[in-house]
Amino acid sequence: MIETVILGIALVLIIEGLAYALAPSLIERMLEAMRAMRLDLRRLVGVSAMATGVAMLWILQTF
């Protein structure tokens, strides 16, 4: 179980590192867009991303 958690964290770090390495200016624009959003909308985006990830894991575990 702990190996799976560590694997998940490692994959997130790899993907985020690639984004920062390949498109740093795009990351800056995305951060500016996030700053311009209302707090409740940012929270909704975060909850939606989390729910999507949980759904994807559930689907992978089921099939």
PDB file of N, CA and C in Angstrom:
ATOM      1  N   MET A   1       0.821  -1.195   0.000  1.00  0.00           N
ATOM      2  CA  MET A   1       0.000   0.000   0.000  1.00  0.00           C
ATOM      3  C   MET A   1       0.866   1.262   0.000  1.00  0.00           C
ATOM      4  N   ILE A   2       1.865   1.297   0.889  1.00  0.00           N
ATOM      5  CA  ILE A   2       2.717   2.485   0.969  1.00  0.00           C
ATOM      6  C   ILE A   2       3.510   2.672  -0.318  1.00  0.00           C
ATOM      7  N   GLU A   3       3.845   1.564  -0.976  1.00  0.00           N
ATOM      8  CA  GLU A   3       4.561   1.660  -2.241  1.00  0.00           C
ATOM      9  C   GLU A   3       3.709   2.358  -3.291  1.00  0.00           C
ATOM     10  N   THR A   4       2.416   2.088  -3.284  1.00  0.00           N
ATOM     11  CA  THR A   4       1.506   2.713  -4.237  1.00  0.00           C
ATOM     12  C   THR A   4       1.397   4.208  -3.980  1.00  0.00           C
ATOM     13  N   VAL A   5       1.347   4.601  -2.722  1.00  0.00           N
ATOM     14  CA  VAL A   5       1.282   6.020  -2.380  1.00  0.00           C
ATOM     15  C   VAL A   5       2.555   6.726  -2.826  1.00  0.00           C
ATOM     16  N   ILE A   6       3.704   6.118  -2.556  1.00  0.00           N
ATOM     17  CA  ILE A   6       4.978   6.711  -2.965  1.00  0.00           C
ATOM     18  C   ILE A   6       5.062   6.782  -4.490  1.00  0.00           C
ATOM     19  N   LEU A   7       4.598   5.759  -5.179  1.00  0.00           N
ATOM     20  CA  LEU A   7       4.572   5.764  -6.640  1.00  0.00           C
ATOM     21  C   LEU A   7       3.706   6.912  -7.152  1.00  0.00           C
ATOM     22  N   GLY A   8       2.546   7.114  -6.561  1.00  0.00           N
ATOM     23  CA  GLY A   8       1.662   8.203  -6.973  1.00  0.00           C
ATOM     24  C   GLY A   8       2.308   9.566  -6.779  1.00  0.00           C
ATOM     25  N   ILE A   9       2.947   9.759  -5.635  1.00  0.00           N
ATOM     26  CA  ILE A   9       3.619  11.034  -5.369  1.00  0.00           C
ATOM     27  C   ILE A   9       4.755  11.245  -6.363  1.00  0.00           C
ATOM     28  N   ALA A  10       5.506  10.191  -6.639  1.00  0.00           N
ATOM     29  CA  ALA A  10       6.613  10.294  -7.593  1.00  0.00           C
ATOM     30  C   ALA A  10       6.102  10.665  -8.982  1.00  0.00           C
ATOM     31  N   LEU A  11       5.005  10.068  -9.409  1.00  0.00           N
ATOM     32  CA  LEU A  11       4.454  10.390 -10.727  1.00  0.00           C
ATOM     33  C   LEU A  11       3.981  11.836 -10.797  1.00  0.00           C
ATOM     34  N   VAL A  12       3.364  12.323  -9.743  1.00  0.00           N
ATOM     35  CA  VAL A  12       2.945  13.732  -9.712  1.00  0.00           C
ATOM     36  C   VAL A  12       4.150  14.651  -9.812  1.00  0.00           C
ATOM     37  N   LEU A  13       5.211  14.346  -9.067  1.00  0.00           N
ATOM     38  CA  LEU A  13       6.409  15.176  -9.116  1.00  0.00           C
ATOM     39  C   LEU A  13       7.056  15.158 -10.498  1.00  0.00           C
ATOM     40  N   ILE A  14       7.049  14.007 -11.155  1.00  0.00           N
ATOM     41  CA  ILE A  14       7.610  13.915 -12.505  1.00  0.00           C
ATOM     42  C   ILE A  14       6.812  14.775 -13.474  1.00  0.00           C
ATOM     43  N   ILE A  15       5.497  14.676 -13.430  1.00  0.00           N
ATOM     44  CA  ILE A  15       4.647  15.435 -14.344  1.00  0.00           C
ATOM     45  C   ILE A  15       4.775  16.931 -14.082  1.00  0.00           C
ATOM     46  N   GLU A  16       4.762  17.335 -12.813  1.00  0.00           N
ATOM     47  CA  GLU A  16       4.918  18.755 -12.504  1.00  0.00           C
ATOM     48  C   GLU A  16       6.297  19.254 -12.905  1.00  0.00           C
ATOM     49  N   GLY A  17       7.315  18.454 -12.675  1.00  0.00           N
ATOM     50  CA  GLY A  17       8.662  18.851 -13.074  1.00  0.00           C
ATOM     51  C   GLY A  17       8.776  19.029 -14.577  1.00  0.00           C
ATOM     52  N   LEU A  18       8.157  18.150 -15.333  1.00  0.00           N
ATOM     53  CA  LEU A  18       8.156  18.285 -16.794  1.00  0.00           C
ATOM     54  C   LEU A  18       7.471  19.576 -17.231  1.00  0.00           C
ATOM     55  N   ALA A  19       6.352  19.890 -16.595  1.00  0.00           N
ATOM     56  CA  ALA A  19       5.637  21.112 -16.953  1.00  0.00           C
ATOM     57  C   ALA A  19       6.498  22.341 -16.698  1.00  0.00           C
ATOM     58  N   TYR A  20       7.158  22.398 -15.540  1.00  0.00           N
ATOM     59  CA  TYR A  20       8.020  23.533 -15.232  1.00  0.00           C
ATOM     60  C   TYR A  20       9.243  23.581 -16.147  1.00  0.00           C
ATOM     61  N   ALA A  21       9.785  22.437 -16.523  1.00  0.00           N
ATOM     62  CA  ALA A  21      10.976  22.400 -17.366  1.00  0.00           C
ATOM     63  C   ALA A  21      10.658  22.736 -18.824  1.00  0.00           C
ATOM     64  N   LEU A  22       9.520  22.269 -19.317  1.00  0.00           N
ATOM     65  CA  LEU A  22       9.202  22.432 -20.739  1.00  0.00           C
ATOM     66  C   LEU A  22       8.444  23.712 -21.057  1.00  0.00           C
ATOM     67  N   ALA A  23       7.670  24.222 -20.109  1.00  0.00           N
ATOM     68  CA  ALA A  23       6.839  25.398 -20.402  1.00  0.00           C
ATOM     69  C   ALA A  23       6.727  26.325 -19.193  1.00  0.00           C
ATOM     70  N   PRO A  24       7.834  26.900 -18.748  1.00  0.00           N
ATOM     71  CA  PRO A  24       7.771  27.754 -17.557  1.00  0.00           C
ATOM     72  C   PRO A  24       6.906  29.002 -17.755  1.00  0.00           C
ATOM     73  N   SER A  25       6.896  29.565 -18.961  1.00  0.00           N
ATOM     74  CA  SER A  25       6.071  30.761 -19.179  1.00  0.00           C
ATOM     75  C   SER A  25       4.580  30.414 -19.129  1.00  0.00           C
ATOM     76  N   LEU A  26       4.222  29.231 -19.585  1.00  0.00           N
ATOM     77  CA  LEU A  26       2.828  28.801 -19.500  1.00  0.00           C
ATOM     78  C   LEU A  26       2.405  28.620 -18.043  1.00  0.00           C
ATOM     79  N   ILE A  27       3.293  28.091 -17.229  1.00  0.00           N
ATOM     80  CA  ILE A  27       3.006  27.934 -15.805  1.00  0.00           C
ATOM     81  C   ILE A  27       2.772  29.302 -15.168  1.00  0.00           C
ATOM     82  N   GLU A  28       3.609  30.294 -15.524  1.00  0.00           N
ATOM     83  CA  GLU A  28       3.430  31.631 -14.978  1.00  0.00           C
ATOM     84  C   GLU A  28       2.082  32.218 -15.369  1.00  0.00           C
ATOM     85  N   ARG A  29       1.678  32.028 -16.621  1.00  0.00           N
ATOM     86  CA  ARG A  29       0.363  32.539 -17.059  1.00  0.00           C
ATOM     87  C   ARG A  29      -0.769  31.823 -16.341  1.00  0.00           C
ATOM     88  N   MET A  30      -0.621  30.516 -16.130  1.00  0.00           N
ATOM     89  CA  MET A  30      -1.656  29.770 -15.412  1.00  0.00           C
ATOM     90  C   MET A  30      -1.766  30.247 -13.970  1.00  0.00           C
ATOM     91  N   LEU A  31      -0.633  30.527 -13.328  1.00  0.00           N
ATOM     92  CA  LEU A  31      -0.658  31.027 -11.953  1.00  0.00           C
ATOM     93  C   LEU A  31      -1.305  32.405 -11.880  1.00  0.00           C
ATOM     94  N   GLU A  32      -1.032  33.261 -12.855  1.00  0.00           N
ATOM     95  CA  GLU A  32      -1.683  34.578 -12.896  1.00  0.00           C
ATOM     96  C   GLU A  32      -3.189  34.425 -13.066  1.00  0.00           C
ATOM     97  N   ALA A  33      -3.606  33.488 -13.913  1.00  0.00           N
ATOM     98  CA  ALA A  33      -5.036  33.257 -14.108  1.00  0.00           C
ATOM     99  C   ALA A  33      -5.679  32.736 -12.822  1.00  0.00           C
ATOM    100  N   MET A  34      -4.961  31.889 -12.098  1.00  0.00           N
ATOM    101  CA  MET A  34      -5.489  31.376 -10.827  1.00  0.00           C
ATOM    102  C   MET A  34      -5.613  32.502  -9.800  1.00  0.00           C
ATOM    103  N   ARG A  35      -4.648  33.423  -9.777  1.00  0.00           N
ATOM    104  CA  ARG A  35      -4.723  34.548  -8.836  1.00  0.00           C
ATOM    105  C   ARG A  35      -5.918  35.430  -9.128  1.00  0.00           C
ATOM    106  N   ALA A  36      -6.294  35.519 -10.402  1.00  0.00           N
ATOM    107  CA  ALA A  36      -7.418  36.371 -10.790  1.00  0.00           C
ATOM    108  C   ALA A  36      -8.772  35.726 -10.444  1.00  0.00           C
ATOM    109  N   MET A  37      -8.786  34.421 -10.195  1.00  0.00           N
ATOM    110  CA  MET A  37     -10.044  33.719  -9.881  1.00  0.00           C
ATOM    111  C   MET A  37     -10.476  33.997  -8.444  1.00  0.00           C
ATOM    112  N   ARG A  38     -11.767  33.949  -8.242  1.00  0.00           N
ATOM    113  CA  ARG A  38     -12.292  34.058  -6.881  1.00  0.00           C
ATOM    114  C   ARG A  38     -11.882  32.828  -6.081  1.00  0.00           C
ATOM    115  N   LEU A  39     -11.800  32.974  -4.778  1.00  0.00           N
ATOM    116  CA  LEU A  39     -11.362  31.893  -3.904  1.00  0.00           C
ATOM    117  C   LEU A  39     -12.286  30.680  -4.004  1.00  0.00           C
ATOM    118  N   ASP A  40     -13.589  30.915  -4.038  1.00  0.00           N
ATOM    119  CA  ASP A  40     -14.522  29.784  -4.106  1.00  0.00           C
ATOM    120  C   ASP A  40     -14.404  29.035  -5.431  1.00  0.00           C
ATOM    121  N   LEU A  41     -14.083  29.754  -6.499  1.00  0.00           N
ATOM    122  CA  LEU A  41     -13.905  29.091  -7.796  1.00  0.00           C
ATOM    123  C   LEU A  41     -12.624  28.256  -7.803  1.00  0.00           C
ATOM    124  N   ARG A  42     -11.555  28.776  -7.176  1.00  0.00           N
ATOM    125  CA  ARG A  42     -10.321  27.985  -7.050  1.00  0.00           C
ATOM    126  C   ARG A  42     -10.564  26.723  -6.238  1.00  0.00           C
ATOM    127  N   ARG A  43     -11.349  26.864  -5.188  1.00  0.00           N
ATOM    128  CA  ARG A  43     -11.671  25.693  -4.360  1.00  0.00           C
ATOM    129  C   ARG A  43     -12.466  24.675  -5.182  1.00  0.00           C
ATOM    130  N   LEU A  44     -13.401  25.132  -5.997  1.00  0.00           N
ATOM    131  CA  LEU A  44     -14.189  24.239  -6.848  1.00  0.00           C
ATOM    132  C   LEU A  44     -13.301  23.514  -7.858  1.00  0.00           C
ATOM    133  N   VAL A  45     -12.335  24.227  -8.419  1.00  0.00           N
ATOM    134  CA  VAL A  45     -11.397  23.596  -9.362  1.00  0.00           C
ATOM    135  C   VAL A  45     -10.601  22.495  -8.650  1.00  0.00           C
ATOM    136  N   GLY A  46     -10.149  22.778  -7.436  1.00  0.00           N
ATOM    137  CA  GLY A  46      -9.389  21.785  -6.673  1.00  0.00           C
ATOM    138  C   GLY A  46     -10.216  20.560  -6.326  1.00  0.00           C
ATOM    139  N   VAL A  47     -11.450  20.781  -5.888  1.00  0.00           N
ATOM    140  CA  VAL A  47     -12.327  19.653  -5.540  1.00  0.00           C
ATOM    141  C   VAL A  47     -12.661  18.849  -6.789  1.00  0.00           C
ATOM    142  N   SER A  48     -12.870  19.528  -7.908  1.00  0.00           N
ATOM    143  CA  SER A  48     -13.162  18.823  -9.163  1.00  0.00           C
ATOM    144  C   SER A  48     -11.981  17.968  -9.606  1.00  0.00           C
ATOM    145  N   ALA A  49     -10.769  18.509  -9.486  1.00  0.00           N
ATOM    146  CA  ALA A  49      -9.574  17.743  -9.849  1.00  0.00           C
ATOM    147  C   ALA A  49      -9.431  16.530  -8.943  1.00  0.00           C
ATOM    148  N   MET A  50      -9.674  16.733  -7.661  1.00  0.00           N
ATOM    149  CA  MET A  50      -9.567  15.623  -6.715  1.00  0.00           C
ATOM    150  C   MET A  50     -10.618  14.545  -7.018  1.00  0.00           C
ATOM    151  N   ALA A  51     -11.845  14.965  -7.292  1.00  0.00           N
ATOM    152  CA  ALA A  51     -12.909  14.005  -7.603  1.00  0.00           C
ATOM    153  C   ALA A  51     -12.599  13.239  -8.888  1.00  0.00           C
ATOM    154  N   THR A  52     -12.040  13.925  -9.873  1.00  0.00           N
ATOM    155  CA  THR A  52     -11.655  13.258 -11.117  1.00  0.00           C
ATOM    156  C   THR A  52     -10.584  12.208 -10.854  1.00  0.00           C
ATOM    157  N   GLY A  53      -9.602  12.546 -10.035  1.00  0.00           N
ATOM    158  CA  GLY A  53      -8.553  11.587  -9.694  1.00  0.00           C
ATOM    159  C   GLY A  53      -9.091  10.384  -8.952  1.00  0.00           C
ATOM    160  N   VAL A  54     -10.004  10.614  -8.008  1.00  0.00           N
ATOM    161  CA  VAL A  54     -10.613   9.497  -7.267  1.00  0.00           C
ATOM    162  C   VAL A  54     -11.412   8.617  -8.213  1.00  0.00           C
ATOM    163  N   ALA A  55     -12.158   9.231  -9.128  1.00  0.00           N
ATOM    164  CA  ALA A  55     -12.942   8.453 -10.088  1.00  0.00           C
ATOM    165  C   ALA A  55     -12.036   7.625 -10.998  1.00  0.00           C
ATOM    166  N   MET A  56     -10.931   8.212 -11.433  1.00  0.00           N
ATOM    167  CA  MET A  56      -9.998   7.469 -12.281  1.00  0.00           C
ATOM    168  C   MET A  56      -9.402   6.283 -11.534  1.00  0.00           C
ATOM    169  N   LEU A  57      -9.016   6.493 -10.272  1.00  0.00           N
ATOM    170  CA  LEU A  57      -8.488   5.376  -9.485  1.00  0.00           C
ATOM    171  C   LEU A  57      -9.524   4.298  -9.291  1.00  0.00           C
ATOM    172  N   TRP A  58     -10.758   4.693  -9.018  1.00  0.00           N
ATOM    173  CA  TRP A  58     -11.827   3.725  -8.813  1.00  0.00           C
ATOM    174  C   TRP A  58     -12.045   2.890 -10.080  1.00  0.00           C
ATOM    175  N   ILE A  59     -12.055   3.568 -11.230  1.00  0.00           N
ATOM    176  CA  ILE A  59     -12.248   2.861 -12.497  1.00  0.00           C
ATOM    177  C   ILE A  59     -11.101   1.890 -12.758  1.00  0.00           C
ATOM    178  N   LEU A  60      -9.855   2.335 -12.490  1.00  0.00           N
ATOM    179  CA  LEU A  60      -8.710   1.453 -12.700  1.00  0.00           C
ATOM    180  C   LEU A  60      -8.746   0.246 -11.767  1.00  0.00           C
ATOM    181  N   GLN A  61      -9.169   0.444 -10.532  1.00  0.00           N
ATOM    182  CA  GLN A  61      -9.244  -0.664  -9.584  1.00  0.00           C
ATOM    183  C   GLN A  61     -10.390  -1.618  -9.906  1.00  0.00           C
ATOM    184  N   THR A  62     -11.456  -1.091 -10.478  1.00  0.00           N
ATOM    185  CA  THR A  62     -12.625  -1.913 -10.778  1.00  0.00           C
ATOM    186  C   THR A  62     -12.396  -2.804 -12.006  1.00  0.00           C
ATOM    187  N   PHE A  63     -11.738  -2.256 -13.023  1.00  0.00           N
ATOM    188  CA  PHE A  63     -11.570  -3.021 -14.261  1.00  0.00           C
ATOM    189  C   PHE A  63     -10.204  -3.506 -14.392  1.00  0.00           C
TER     190      PHE A  63
END
